[in-house]
């Protein structure tokens, strides 16, 4: 065993997080840009932007329940190595231009390894960090990692534009970053501090989603939770009708070079990090529900707003506001589930992510069909706006209905909407 105390272990973990950020910025963030640059079809673009996420979400949802507590640390390494195969595959494709199937499979391995490693790493880290400091540690690590991702992402774009740093070289950096981070994680686990603590998993006793586990919530809140899980997943269907094709629109229609493309893509990421704490402050009591619906109203009309102007600065402002509301949507969605069911909430979040990824794949398929059938960008944006808003209007009405009353009554439903808008829920049951 290597001599190492708690402080040095944490410092090495932060360094590993920095290498992870370098890998994300150089591989994941450039994947869609690279796909558009090599001329993939609309259907292929939809697949590469959604299918890997779906497979990754399935792995994230199912794998932790199949691994015993003694093997959590080992599976952190295994999933990282799976991701290594993915980044190497993407790099080789950039050099030798293999078939699209090669690129798609590499992307699947990338997301399967990356998303599956998250719950294993959380379990492993929770066994090392004192409970009173764990939330602070994760928030700090995630915060600086997100900032590094944006910094590296823009830096690579500057290198490409002004110093002719090719995409192949950027992918090389990502491959070496992932390999080094995996080696560093192995090195961390060899330390005597980690060996003595013996991190235990918290997922190994969880099974697949069981409706019996939420019977104690009561009939109305149980229905509200189930409707919410389906509603947010179906909302992803509407989102993915348009989202995968914004990259092609920016590169081919707006003629943005790599620097302007990267800046526009980075704006909502920066905005999410900037405003996340503000949403956390207002997420108290019934504000969770009203804030969530307020976010969805704007998010539903994003595609329509994109059609108003082709100005780069206009789109930057729109994306800044978009990041603000996506951060609110993400946080309030998690809090809705956690407030509804406190036990095994992460499992339900995993189920919601897997279902949302599947429906997102179907949405991208619809968008690709429209694109290849000759529909214009504006027409697809109009359809995407209608899909987002109509989906949430219907399911949102059911959520309010089930969480306020329990019997169908038009007058009561309208009254419920009015009380809901004023944050005066008849029965929040949170």
Foldseek 3Di string as FASTA:
>chain_A
DAADDLVVLLVLVLVLLLLVLLLCLLDVVCLLVVCVVVPDALLLLLLLVFVLLLLQLVLQQPVLQADFFLCLLVLLLVLLVLLLQLLVQCLVCVVPVDDSVSNSVSSNSNSNSVSNNVLSVLQLVPLQDPPVCSVVSVVVSVLVSLVSNLVSNLVVLCCCPPVVCDSSNSSVSSSVSSVVSSVSSVVSCPYPSSVVSSGTHDNNNDDADDLVQQVVLDDLLSQLLVLLLVLVLQLLLLVLLQVSCVSSCCCPVLVDGSNLSSLLVCLLSVLLSVQLVVLVVQPDDLSLLLLLVVLLVLVLLLLVLCPPDSDSVSSSVSSSVNSNSVSSNVVSSLVSQCLSPVPPSVSSVSVSSSSSSVSSSVSSNNSSVCVVVPHDSSVSSVSSSVSNVVSCVVSVLSSLPSQQDNDDDVVVSVVSVVCSNVSNGNHNSD
